[in-house]
Amino acid sequence: MAGRASAQAALETRRSVLRAAAELASLEGLDSVTIGRLADRLGMSKAGVIGQFRSKEKLQLETVELVLEDFRTQVWLPVRHLDVGLPRLLAVCASWVRYAADPGYSGGCLLTQVTYDYDARTGSVHDRIAEGRARWRDTLRHDIDAAVAAGDLPSATDASRVVYGLESLAAGITPARLLHGDRHADGWALHGMRTLLGIPATD
Protein backbone atom coordinates (compact mmCIF):
# COMPACT_ATOMS: atom_id res chain seq x y z
CA MET A 1 0.00 0.00 0.00
CA ALA A 2 2.85 2.38 0.87
CA GLY A 3 4.47 1.69 -2.50
CA ARG A 4 1.24 2.52 -4.32
CA ALA A 5 0.83 5.76 -2.36
CA SER A 6 4.43 6.70 -3.09
CA ALA A 7 3.96 6.05 -6.81
CA GLN A 8 0.78 8.15 -6.83
CA ALA A 9 2.54 11.00 -5.03
CA ALA A 10 5.37 10.90 -7.57
CA LEU A 11 2.86 10.98 -10.42
CA GLU A 12 1.08 13.98 -8.90
CA THR A 13 4.39 15.77 -8.42
CA ARG A 14 5.33 15.13 -12.03
CA ARG A 15 1.98 16.46 -13.18
CA SER A 16 2.39 19.60 -11.06
CA VAL A 17 5.81 20.26 -12.54
CA LEU A 18 4.48 19.84 -16.07
CA ARG A 19 1.55 22.17 -15.42
CA ALA A 20 3.91 24.79 -14.05
CA ALA A 21 6.17 24.30 -17.09
CA ALA A 22 3.22 24.73 -19.47
CA GLU A 23 2.06 27.89 -17.70
CA LEU A 24 5.55 29.41 -17.84
CA ALA A 25 5.98 28.39 -21.48
CA SER A 26 2.68 30.01 -22.42
CA LEU A 27 3.96 33.33 -21.11
CA GLU A 28 7.64 33.26 -22.06
CA GLY A 29 8.16 30.40 -24.51
CA LEU A 30 9.30 26.82 -24.01
CA ASP A 31 12.98 27.83 -23.83
CA SER A 32 12.21 29.80 -20.67
CA VAL A 33 11.38 26.58 -18.86
CA THR A 34 14.41 25.62 -16.78
CA ILE A 35 14.93 23.28 -13.88
CA GLY A 36 15.84 26.18 -11.60
CA ARG A 37 12.82 28.34 -12.44
CA LEU A 38 10.41 25.45 -11.95
CA ALA A 39 12.02 24.52 -8.64
CA ASP A 40 11.57 28.11 -7.43
CA ARG A 41 7.95 28.26 -8.60
CA LEU A 42 7.02 25.00 -6.93
CA GLY A 43 9.15 25.29 -3.81
CA MET A 44 11.10 22.18 -4.79
CA SER A 45 14.80 21.43 -4.94
CA LYS A 46 16.50 21.40 -8.33
CA ALA A 47 17.40 17.78 -7.67
CA GLY A 48 13.73 16.98 -7.18
CA VAL A 49 12.83 18.44 -10.55
CA ILE A 50 15.81 16.88 -12.33
CA GLY A 51 14.90 13.53 -10.81
CA GLN A 52 11.54 13.67 -12.52
CA PHE A 53 12.82 14.38 -16.04
CA ARG A 54 16.63 13.89 -16.20
CA SER A 55 17.15 16.69 -18.76
CA LYS A 56 15.69 19.96 -20.03
CA GLU A 57 14.86 18.35 -23.37
CA LYS A 58 12.92 15.57 -21.67
CA LEU A 59 11.04 18.19 -19.67
CA GLN A 60 10.22 20.11 -22.86
CA LEU A 61 9.05 16.96 -24.65
CA GLU A 62 6.75 15.99 -21.81
CA THR A 63 5.40 19.54 -21.66
CA VAL A 64 4.57 19.27 -25.37
CA GLU A 65 2.85 15.94 -24.69
CA LEU A 66 0.76 17.60 -21.98
CA VAL A 67 -0.25 20.37 -24.38
CA LEU A 68 -1.17 17.92 -27.13
CA GLU A 69 -3.23 15.88 -24.66
CA ASP A 70 -5.00 19.03 -23.40
CA PHE A 71 -5.85 19.92 -27.00
CA ARG A 72 -7.16 16.44 -27.71
CA THR A 73 -9.21 16.38 -24.52
CA GLN A 74 -10.80 19.79 -25.00
CA VAL A 75 -11.17 19.92 -28.78
CA TRP A 76 -11.46 16.40 -30.14
CA LEU A 77 -12.91 14.16 -27.44
CA PRO A 78 -16.14 16.16 -26.96
CA VAL A 79 -17.06 15.81 -30.66
CA ARG A 80 -15.48 12.57 -31.87
CA HIS A 81 -18.74 10.65 -31.46
CA LEU A 82 -20.59 12.86 -33.96
CA ASP A 83 -21.31 11.87 -37.54
CA VAL A 84 -18.22 11.91 -39.74
CA GLY A 85 -18.11 14.81 -42.18
CA LEU A 86 -19.68 18.24 -41.90
CA PRO A 87 -21.57 17.70 -38.59
CA ARG A 88 -18.36 16.76 -36.78
CA LEU A 89 -16.32 19.35 -38.67
CA LEU A 90 -18.60 22.18 -37.54
CA ALA A 91 -18.52 20.90 -33.96
CA VAL A 92 -14.72 20.71 -34.13
CA CYS A 93 -14.57 24.34 -35.22
CA ALA A 94 -16.70 25.38 -32.24
CA SER A 95 -14.68 23.39 -29.68
CA TRP A 96 -11.40 24.51 -31.27
CA VAL A 97 -12.37 28.16 -31.00
CA ARG A 98 -13.43 27.71 -27.37
CA TYR A 99 -10.09 26.10 -26.58
CA ALA A 100 -8.07 28.78 -28.38
CA ALA A 101 -9.96 31.49 -26.49
CA ASP A 102 -9.48 29.84 -23.09
CA PRO A 103 -6.94 26.98 -23.09
CA GLY A 104 -6.25 27.22 -19.38
CA TYR A 105 -2.91 29.02 -19.69
CA SER A 106 -2.32 32.69 -18.93
CA GLY A 107 -0.38 33.20 -22.16
CA GLY A 108 -3.09 31.78 -24.40
CA CYS A 109 -2.94 28.78 -26.71
CA LEU A 110 0.30 27.01 -25.89
CA LEU A 111 0.07 24.76 -28.93
CA THR A 112 0.30 27.86 -31.12
CA GLN A 113 3.12 29.24 -28.96
CA VAL A 114 5.34 26.17 -29.16
CA THR A 115 4.67 25.83 -32.89
CA TYR A 116 5.95 29.35 -33.52
CA ASP A 117 8.92 28.70 -31.22
CA TYR A 118 10.03 25.52 -32.97
CA ASP A 119 8.75 25.59 -36.55
CA ALA A 120 12.17 26.53 -38.03
CA ARG A 121 14.31 24.39 -35.72
CA THR A 122 15.48 20.81 -35.83
CA GLY A 123 15.44 18.21 -33.11
CA SER A 124 13.11 16.01 -31.12
CA VAL A 125 10.87 18.81 -29.78
CA HIS A 126 10.30 20.16 -33.30
CA ASP A 127 9.59 16.65 -34.58
CA ARG A 128 7.02 15.88 -31.86
CA ILE A 129 5.17 19.15 -32.43
CA ALA A 130 5.17 18.54 -36.19
CA GLU A 131 3.89 14.99 -35.68
CA GLY A 132 1.06 16.11 -33.41
CA ARG A 133 -0.04 18.88 -35.74
CA ALA A 134 0.21 16.62 -38.80
CA ARG A 135 -2.11 14.13 -37.12
CA TRP A 136 -4.60 16.93 -36.41
CA ARG A 137 -4.43 18.09 -40.03
CA ASP A 138 -5.13 14.52 -41.18
CA THR A 139 -8.14 14.39 -38.87
CA LEU A 140 -9.53 17.60 -40.36
CA ARG A 141 -8.90 16.44 -43.93
CA HIS A 142 -10.74 13.21 -43.22
CA ASP A 143 -13.90 15.05 -42.20
CA ILE A 144 -13.58 17.52 -45.08
CA ASP A 145 -13.26 14.66 -47.58
CA ALA A 146 -16.23 12.91 -45.98
CA ALA A 147 -18.28 16.12 -46.24
CA VAL A 148 -17.39 16.39 -49.94
CA ALA A 149 -18.32 12.74 -50.52
CA ALA A 150 -21.68 13.31 -48.81
CA GLY A 151 -22.39 16.37 -50.96
CA ASP A 152 -22.27 18.74 -47.99
CA LEU A 153 -19.27 20.57 -49.45
CA PRO A 154 -18.60 21.32 -53.14
CA SER A 155 -16.75 18.64 -55.08
CA ALA A 156 -14.03 21.18 -55.95
CA THR A 157 -13.21 21.78 -52.28
CA ASP A 158 -9.45 21.73 -51.69
CA ALA A 159 -9.10 20.03 -48.30
CA SER A 160 -5.55 21.24 -47.73
CA ARG A 161 -6.54 24.85 -48.42
CA VAL A 162 -9.46 24.59 -46.01
CA VAL A 163 -7.25 23.07 -43.30
CA TYR A 164 -4.77 25.91 -43.74
CA GLY A 165 -7.56 28.46 -43.40
CA LEU A 166 -8.99 26.84 -40.28
CA GLU A 167 -5.57 26.69 -38.65
CA SER A 168 -4.86 30.31 -39.50
CA LEU A 169 -8.12 31.51 -38.00
CA ALA A 170 -7.60 29.51 -34.80
CA ALA A 171 -4.00 30.70 -34.46
CA GLY A 172 -5.08 34.34 -34.71
CA ILE A 173 -7.28 34.23 -31.63
CA THR A 174 -4.55 34.46 -28.96
CA PRO A 175 -2.69 37.51 -30.38
CA ALA A 176 -5.99 39.23 -31.16
CA ARG A 177 -7.16 38.79 -27.56
CA LEU A 178 -3.90 39.38 -25.68
CA LEU A 179 -2.09 41.84 -27.93
CA HIS A 180 -5.00 43.89 -29.25
CA GLY A 181 -7.68 43.28 -26.63
CA ASP A 182 -10.21 42.00 -29.16
CA ARG A 183 -12.86 40.50 -26.91
CA HIS A 184 -14.79 39.11 -29.85
CA ALA A 185 -11.86 37.34 -31.50
CA ASP A 186 -13.26 33.87 -30.86
CA GLY A 187 -16.62 34.76 -32.39
CA TRP A 188 -14.95 36.35 -35.40
CA ALA A 189 -12.77 33.27 -35.87
CA LEU A 190 -15.77 30.93 -35.75
CA HIS A 191 -17.62 33.13 -38.23
CA GLY A 192 -14.58 32.98 -40.52
CA MET A 193 -14.42 29.20 -40.25
CA ARG A 194 -18.07 28.81 -41.17
CA THR A 195 -17.60 31.23 -44.08
CA LEU A 196 -14.62 29.20 -45.27
CA LEU A 197 -16.83 26.10 -45.25
CA GLY A 198 -19.62 27.92 -47.04
CA ILE A 199 -21.98 27.73 -44.06
CA PRO A 200 -24.36 30.68 -43.53
CA ALA A 201 -23.70 32.82 -40.48
CA THR A 202 -25.86 32.07 -37.45
CA ASP A 203 -25.91 35.62 -36.09
C-alpha atoms as a PDB file:
ATOM      1  CA  MET A   1       0.000   0.000   0.000  1.00  0.00           C
ATOM      2  CA  ALA A   2       2.850   2.378   0.871  1.00  0.00           C
ATOM      3  CA  GLY A   3       4.466   1.692  -2.502  1.00  0.00           C
ATOM      4  CA  ARG A   4       1.240   2.520  -4.317  1.00  0.00           C
ATOM      5  CA  ALA A   5       0.826   5.762  -2.361  1.00  0.00           C
ATOM      6  CA  SER A   6       4.428   6.700  -3.095  1.00  0.00           C
ATOM      7  CA  ALA A   7       3.962   6.050  -6.815  1.00  0.00           C
ATOM      8  CA  GLN A   8       0.779   8.151  -6.826  1.00  0.00           C
ATOM      9  CA  ALA A   9       2.538  11.004  -5.034  1.00  0.00           C
ATOM     10  CA  ALA A  10       5.372  10.895  -7.571  1.00  0.00           C
ATOM     11  CA  LEU A  11       2.858  10.983 -10.424  1.00  0.00           C
ATOM     12  CA  GLU A  12       1.083  13.985  -8.900  1.00  0.00           C
ATOM     13  CA  THR A  13       4.389  15.774  -8.418  1.00  0.00           C
ATOM     14  CA  ARG A  14       5.332  15.127 -12.031  1.00  0.00           C
ATOM     15  CA  ARG A  15       1.981  16.462 -13.184  1.00  0.00           C
ATOM     16  CA  SER A  16       2.385  19.601 -11.056  1.00  0.00           C
ATOM     17  CA  VAL A  17       5.810  20.256 -12.538  1.00  0.00           C
ATOM     18  CA  LEU A  18       4.478  19.839 -16.075  1.00  0.00           C
ATOM     19  CA  ARG A  19       1.545  22.167 -15.417  1.00  0.00           C
ATOM     20  CA  ALA A  20       3.914  24.794 -14.055  1.00  0.00           C
ATOM     21  CA  ALA A  21       6.168  24.301 -17.085  1.00  0.00           C
ATOM     22  CA  ALA A  22       3.224  24.730 -19.469  1.00  0.00           C
ATOM     23  CA  GLU A  23       2.062  27.893 -17.703  1.00  0.00           C
ATOM     24  CA  LEU A  24       5.547  29.406 -17.845  1.00  0.00           C
ATOM     25  CA  ALA A  25       5.983  28.387 -21.481  1.00  0.00           C
ATOM     26  CA  SER A  26       2.683  30.012 -22.424  1.00  0.00           C
ATOM     27  CA  LEU A  27       3.964  33.332 -21.105  1.00  0.00           C
ATOM     28  CA  GLU A  28       7.641  33.260 -22.065  1.00  0.00           C
ATOM     29  CA  GLY A  29       8.156  30.396 -24.506  1.00  0.00           C
ATOM     30  CA  LEU A  30       9.296  26.824 -24.013  1.00  0.00           C
ATOM     31  CA  ASP A  31      12.977  27.826 -23.825  1.00  0.00           C
ATOM     32  CA  SER A  32      12.207  29.804 -20.672  1.00  0.00           C
ATOM     33  CA  VAL A  33      11.376  26.576 -18.855  1.00  0.00           C
ATOM     34  CA  THR A  34      14.413  25.622 -16.781  1.00  0.00           C
ATOM     35  CA  ILE A  35      14.930  23.278 -13.876  1.00  0.00           C
ATOM     36  CA  GLY A  36      15.836  26.177 -11.597  1.00  0.00           C
ATOM     37  CA  ARG A  37      12.818  28.340 -12.439  1.00  0.00           C
ATOM     38  CA  LEU A  38      10.414  25.450 -11.948  1.00  0.00           C
ATOM     39  CA  ALA A  39      12.020  24.524  -8.641  1.00  0.00           C
ATOM     40  CA  ASP A  40      11.571  28.107  -7.431  1.00  0.00           C
ATOM     41  CA  ARG A  41       7.950  28.263  -8.604  1.00  0.00           C
ATOM     42  CA  LEU A  42       7.016  24.995  -6.935  1.00  0.00           C
ATOM     43  CA  GLY A  43       9.154  25.291  -3.813  1.00  0.00           C
ATOM     44  CA  MET A  44      11.105  22.179  -4.794  1.00  0.00           C
ATOM     45  CA  SER A  45      14.795  21.435  -4.939  1.00  0.00           C
ATOM     46  CA  LYS A  46      16.501  21.396  -8.327  1.00  0.00           C
ATOM     47  CA  ALA A  47      17.403  17.782  -7.675  1.00  0.00           C
ATOM     48  CA  GLY A  48      13.733  16.977  -7.180  1.00  0.00           C
ATOM     49  CA  VAL A  49      12.827  18.438 -10.554  1.00  0.00           C
ATOM     50  CA  ILE A  50      15.812  16.876 -12.333  1.00  0.00           C
ATOM     51  CA  GLY A  51      14.902  13.526 -10.814  1.00  0.00           C
ATOM     52  CA  GLN A  52      11.537  13.675 -12.524  1.00  0.00           C
ATOM     53  CA  PHE A  53      12.817  14.380 -16.035  1.00  0.00           C
ATOM     54  CA  ARG A  54      16.630  13.890 -16.203  1.00  0.00           C
ATOM     55  CA  SER A  55      17.151  16.692 -18.757  1.00  0.00           C
ATOM     56  CA  LYS A  56      15.691  19.963 -20.029  1.00  0.00           C
ATOM     57  CA  GLU A  57      14.859  18.349 -23.374  1.00  0.00           C
ATOM     58  CA  LYS A  58      12.924  15.566 -21.666  1.00  0.00           C
ATOM     59  CA  LEU A  59      11.036  18.189 -19.665  1.00  0.00           C
ATOM     60  CA  GLN A  60      10.221  20.107 -22.859  1.00  0.00           C
ATOM     61  CA  LEU A  61       9.051  16.963 -24.647  1.00  0.00           C
ATOM     62  CA  GLU A  62       6.749  15.986 -21.807  1.00  0.00           C
ATOM     63  CA  THR A  63       5.402  19.537 -21.660  1.00  0.00           C
ATOM     64  CA  VAL A  64       4.574  19.272 -25.371  1.00  0.00           C
ATOM     65  CA  GLU A  65       2.852  15.935 -24.691  1.00  0.00           C
ATOM     66  CA  LEU A  66       0.762  17.596 -21.982  1.00  0.00           C
ATOM     67  CA  VAL A  67      -0.245  20.373 -24.375  1.00  0.00           C
ATOM     68  CA  LEU A  68      -1.174  17.916 -27.127  1.00  0.00           C
ATOM     69  CA  GLU A  69      -3.232  15.882 -24.659  1.00  0.00           C
ATOM     70  CA  ASP A  70      -5.000  19.027 -23.404  1.00  0.00           C
ATOM     71  CA  PHE A  71      -5.848  19.923 -27.002  1.00  0.00           C
ATOM     72  CA  ARG A  72      -7.162  16.437 -27.712  1.00  0.00           C
ATOM     73  CA  THR A  73      -9.213  16.375 -24.518  1.00  0.00           C
ATOM     74  CA  GLN A  74     -10.802  19.795 -25.001  1.00  0.00           C
ATOM     75  CA  VAL A  75     -11.167  19.923 -28.785  1.00  0.00           C
ATOM     76  CA  TRP A  76     -11.459  16.396 -30.143  1.00  0.00           C
ATOM     77  CA  LEU A  77     -12.915  14.157 -27.440  1.00  0.00           C
ATOM     78  CA  PRO A  78     -16.144  16.157 -26.961  1.00  0.00           C
ATOM     79  CA  VAL A  79     -17.057  15.805 -30.660  1.00  0.00           C
ATOM     80  CA  ARG A  80     -15.476  12.572 -31.873  1.00  0.00           C
ATOM     81  CA  HIS A  81     -18.739  10.652 -31.459  1.00  0.00           C
ATOM     82  CA  LEU A  82     -20.594  12.862 -33.958  1.00  0.00           C
ATOM     83  CA  ASP A  83     -21.314  11.869 -37.544  1.00  0.00           C
ATOM     84  CA  VAL A  84     -18.216  11.907 -39.740  1.00  0.00           C
ATOM     85  CA  GLY A  85     -18.111  14.806 -42.181  1.00  0.00           C
ATOM     86  CA  LEU A  86     -19.678  18.239 -41.895  1.00  0.00           C
ATOM     87  CA  PRO A  87     -21.570  17.699 -38.587  1.00  0.00           C
ATOM     88  CA  ARG A  88     -18.359  16.756 -36.782  1.00  0.00           C
ATOM     89  CA  LEU A  89     -16.316  19.353 -38.669  1.00  0.00           C
ATOM     90  CA  LEU A  90     -18.596  22.181 -37.538  1.00  0.00           C
ATOM     91  CA  ALA A  91     -18.524  20.900 -33.959  1.00  0.00           C
ATOM     92  CA  VAL A  92     -14.723  20.709 -34.127  1.00  0.00           C
ATOM     93  CA  CYS A  93     -14.573  24.337 -35.224  1.00  0.00           C
ATOM     94  CA  ALA A  94     -16.699  25.382 -32.241  1.00  0.00           C
ATOM     95  CA  SER A  95     -14.679  23.393 -29.683  1.00  0.00           C
ATOM     96  CA  TRP A  96     -11.397  24.509 -31.271  1.00  0.00           C
ATOM     97  CA  VAL A  97     -12.365  28.165 -30.999  1.00  0.00           C
ATOM     98  CA  ARG A  98     -13.430  27.714 -27.367  1.00  0.00           C
ATOM     99  CA  TYR A  99     -10.091  26.098 -26.582  1.00  0.00           C
ATOM    100  CA  ALA A 100      -8.073  28.776 -28.384  1.00  0.00           C
ATOM    101  CA  ALA A 101      -9.955  31.489 -26.491  1.00  0.00           C
ATOM    102  CA  ASP A 102      -9.482  29.836 -23.085  1.00  0.00           C
ATOM    103  CA  PRO A 103      -6.941  26.981 -23.092  1.00  0.00           C
ATOM    104  CA  GLY A 104      -6.251  27.222 -19.381  1.00  0.00           C
ATOM    105  CA  TYR A 105      -2.911  29.018 -19.686  1.00  0.00           C
ATOM    106  CA  SER A 106      -2.321  32.693 -18.933  1.00  0.00           C
ATOM    107  CA  GLY A 107      -0.378  33.195 -22.156  1.00  0.00           C
ATOM    108  CA  GLY A 108      -3.088  31.782 -24.396  1.00  0.00           C
ATOM    109  CA  CYS A 109      -2.944  28.784 -26.714  1.00  0.00           C
ATOM    110  CA  LEU A 110       0.297  27.010 -25.894  1.00  0.00           C
ATOM    111  CA  LEU A 111       0.066  24.757 -28.933  1.00  0.00           C
ATOM    112  CA  THR A 112       0.302  27.859 -31.123  1.00  0.00           C
ATOM    113  CA  GLN A 113       3.116  29.238 -28.964  1.00  0.00           C
ATOM    114  CA  VAL A 114       5.342  26.171 -29.164  1.00  0.00           C
ATOM    115  CA  THR A 115       4.665  25.834 -32.889  1.00  0.00           C
ATOM    116  CA  TYR A 116       5.949  29.347 -33.521  1.00  0.00           C
ATOM    117  CA  ASP A 117       8.922  28.700 -31.217  1.00  0.00           C
ATOM    118  CA  TYR A 118      10.030  25.521 -32.967  1.00  0.00           C
ATOM    119  CA  ASP A 119       8.751  25.588 -36.549  1.00  0.00           C
ATOM    120  CA  ALA A 120      12.169  26.533 -38.026  1.00  0.00           C
ATOM    121  CA  ARG A 121      14.307  24.385 -35.716  1.00  0.00           C
ATOM    122  CA  THR A 122      15.484  20.810 -35.826  1.00  0.00           C
ATOM    123  CA  GLY A 123      15.438  18.205 -33.107  1.00  0.00           C
ATOM    124  CA  SER A 124      13.109  16.013 -31.117  1.00  0.00           C
ATOM    125  CA  VAL A 125      10.871  18.806 -29.778  1.00  0.00           C
ATOM    126  CA  HIS A 126      10.299  20.158 -33.303  1.00  0.00           C
ATOM    127  CA  ASP A 127       9.588  16.651 -34.575  1.00  0.00           C
ATOM    128  CA  ARG A 128       7.025  15.879 -31.860  1.00  0.00           C
ATOM    129  CA  ILE A 129       5.166  19.145 -32.432  1.00  0.00           C
ATOM    130  CA  ALA A 130       5.168  18.538 -36.190  1.00  0.00           C
ATOM    131  CA  GLU A 131       3.893  14.990 -35.678  1.00  0.00           C
ATOM    132  CA  GLY A 132       1.061  16.107 -33.409  1.00  0.00           C
ATOM    133  CA  ARG A 133      -0.038  18.875 -35.736  1.00  0.00           C
ATOM    134  CA  ALA A 134       0.210  16.619 -38.799  1.00  0.00           C
ATOM    135  CA  ARG A 135      -2.113  14.129 -37.120  1.00  0.00           C
ATOM    136  CA  TRP A 136      -4.600  16.930 -36.407  1.00  0.00           C
ATOM    137  CA  ARG A 137      -4.429  18.092 -40.027  1.00  0.00           C
ATOM    138  CA  ASP A 138      -5.129  14.525 -41.184  1.00  0.00           C
ATOM    139  CA  THR A 139      -8.143  14.386 -38.869  1.00  0.00           C
ATOM    140  CA  LEU A 140      -9.532  17.598 -40.358  1.00  0.00           C
ATOM    141  CA  ARG A 141      -8.899  16.440 -43.931  1.00  0.00           C
ATOM    142  CA  HIS A 142     -10.742  13.208 -43.222  1.00  0.00           C
ATOM    143  CA  ASP A 143     -13.899  15.051 -42.202  1.00  0.00           C
ATOM    144  CA  ILE A 144     -13.577  17.519 -45.083  1.00  0.00           C
ATOM    145  CA  ASP A 145     -13.257  14.661 -47.584  1.00  0.00           C
ATOM    146  CA  ALA A 146     -16.233  12.914 -45.976  1.00  0.00           C
ATOM    147  CA  ALA A 147     -18.282  16.118 -46.241  1.00  0.00           C
ATOM    148  CA  VAL A 148     -17.386  16.389 -49.939  1.00  0.00           C
ATOM    149  CA  ALA A 149     -18.317  12.739 -50.523  1.00  0.00           C
ATOM    150  CA  ALA A 150     -21.685  13.315 -48.813  1.00  0.00           C
ATOM    151  CA  GLY A 151     -22.386  16.371 -50.958  1.00  0.00           C
ATOM    152  CA  ASP A 152     -22.266  18.742 -47.992  1.00  0.00           C
ATOM    153  CA  LEU A 153     -19.269  20.572 -49.448  1.00  0.00           C
ATOM    154  CA  PRO A 154     -18.603  21.319 -53.136  1.00  0.00           C
ATOM    155  CA  SER A 155     -16.749  18.639 -55.078  1.00  0.00           C
ATOM    156  CA  ALA A 156     -14.033  21.176 -55.952  1.00  0.00           C
ATOM    157  CA  THR A 157     -13.206  21.778 -52.282  1.00  0.00           C
ATOM    158  CA  ASP A 158      -9.451  21.727 -51.688  1.00  0.00           C
ATOM    159  CA  ALA A 159      -9.098  20.028 -48.303  1.00  0.00           C
ATOM    160  CA  SER A 160      -5.547  21.242 -47.733  1.00  0.00           C
ATOM    161  CA  ARG A 161      -6.537  24.846 -48.416  1.00  0.00           C
ATOM    162  CA  VAL A 162      -9.456  24.590 -46.013  1.00  0.00           C
ATOM    163  CA  VAL A 163      -7.249  23.074 -43.298  1.00  0.00           C
ATOM    164  CA  TYR A 164      -4.773  25.912 -43.741  1.00  0.00           C
ATOM    165  CA  GLY A 165      -7.557  28.460 -43.401  1.00  0.00           C
ATOM    166  CA  LEU A 166      -8.991  26.836 -40.280  1.00  0.00           C
ATOM    167  CA  GLU A 167      -5.567  26.689 -38.645  1.00  0.00           C
ATOM    168  CA  SER A 168      -4.857  30.310 -39.498  1.00  0.00           C
ATOM    169  CA  LEU A 169      -8.119  31.505 -37.997  1.00  0.00           C
ATOM    170  CA  ALA A 170      -7.600  29.514 -34.797  1.00  0.00           C
ATOM    171  CA  ALA A 171      -3.999  30.702 -34.465  1.00  0.00           C
ATOM    172  CA  GLY A 172      -5.085  34.335 -34.713  1.00  0.00           C
ATOM    173  CA  ILE A 173      -7.278  34.226 -31.626  1.00  0.00           C
ATOM    174  CA  THR A 174      -4.549  34.464 -28.961  1.00  0.00           C
ATOM    175  CA  PRO A 175      -2.695  37.510 -30.375  1.00  0.00           C
ATOM    176  CA  ALA A 176      -5.992  39.232 -31.161  1.00  0.00           C
ATOM    177  CA  ARG A 177      -7.157  38.792 -27.560  1.00  0.00           C
ATOM    178  CA  LEU A 178      -3.902  39.380 -25.675  1.00  0.00           C
ATOM    179  CA  LEU A 179      -2.090  41.838 -27.929  1.00  0.00           C
ATOM    180  CA  HIS A 180      -4.996  43.885 -29.248  1.00  0.00           C
ATOM    181  CA  GLY A 181      -7.675  43.277 -26.627  1.00  0.00           C
ATOM    182  CA  ASP A 182     -10.213  42.003 -29.158  1.00  0.00           C
ATOM    183  CA  ARG A 183     -12.864  40.500 -26.908  1.00  0.00           C
ATOM    184  CA  HIS A 184     -14.794  39.105 -29.850  1.00  0.00           C
ATOM    185  CA  ALA A 185     -11.863  37.338 -31.505  1.00  0.00           C
ATOM    186  CA  ASP A 186     -13.258  33.867 -30.863  1.00  0.00           C
ATOM    187  CA  GLY A 187     -16.619  34.764 -32.391  1.00  0.00           C
ATOM    188  CA  TRP A 188     -14.951  36.349 -35.397  1.00  0.00           C
ATOM    189  CA  ALA A 189     -12.769  33.267 -35.871  1.00  0.00           C
ATOM    190  CA  LEU A 190     -15.765  30.934 -35.745  1.00  0.00           C
ATOM    191  CA  HIS A 191     -17.621  33.134 -38.232  1.00  0.00           C
ATOM    192  CA  GLY A 192     -14.578  32.984 -40.517  1.00  0.00           C
ATOM    193  CA  MET A 193     -14.419  29.199 -40.248  1.00  0.00           C
ATOM    194  CA  ARG A 194     -18.066  28.810 -41.173  1.00  0.00           C
ATOM    195  CA  THR A 195     -17.602  31.228 -44.077  1.00  0.00           C
ATOM    196  CA  LEU A 196     -14.620  29.198 -45.273  1.00  0.00           C
ATOM    197  CA  LEU A 197     -16.826  26.102 -45.246  1.00  0.00           C
ATOM    198  CA  GLY A 198     -19.618  27.919 -47.042  1.00  0.00           C
ATOM    199  CA  ILE A 199     -21.976  27.733 -44.056  1.00  0.00           C
ATOM    200  CA  PRO A 200     -24.363  30.681 -43.529  1.00  0.00           C
ATOM    201  CA  ALA A 201     -23.703  32.819 -40.483  1.00  0.00           C
ATOM    202  CA  THR A 202     -25.864  32.066 -37.449  1.00  0.00           C
ATOM    203  CA  ASP A 203     -25.907  35.616 -36.094  1.00  0.00           C
END
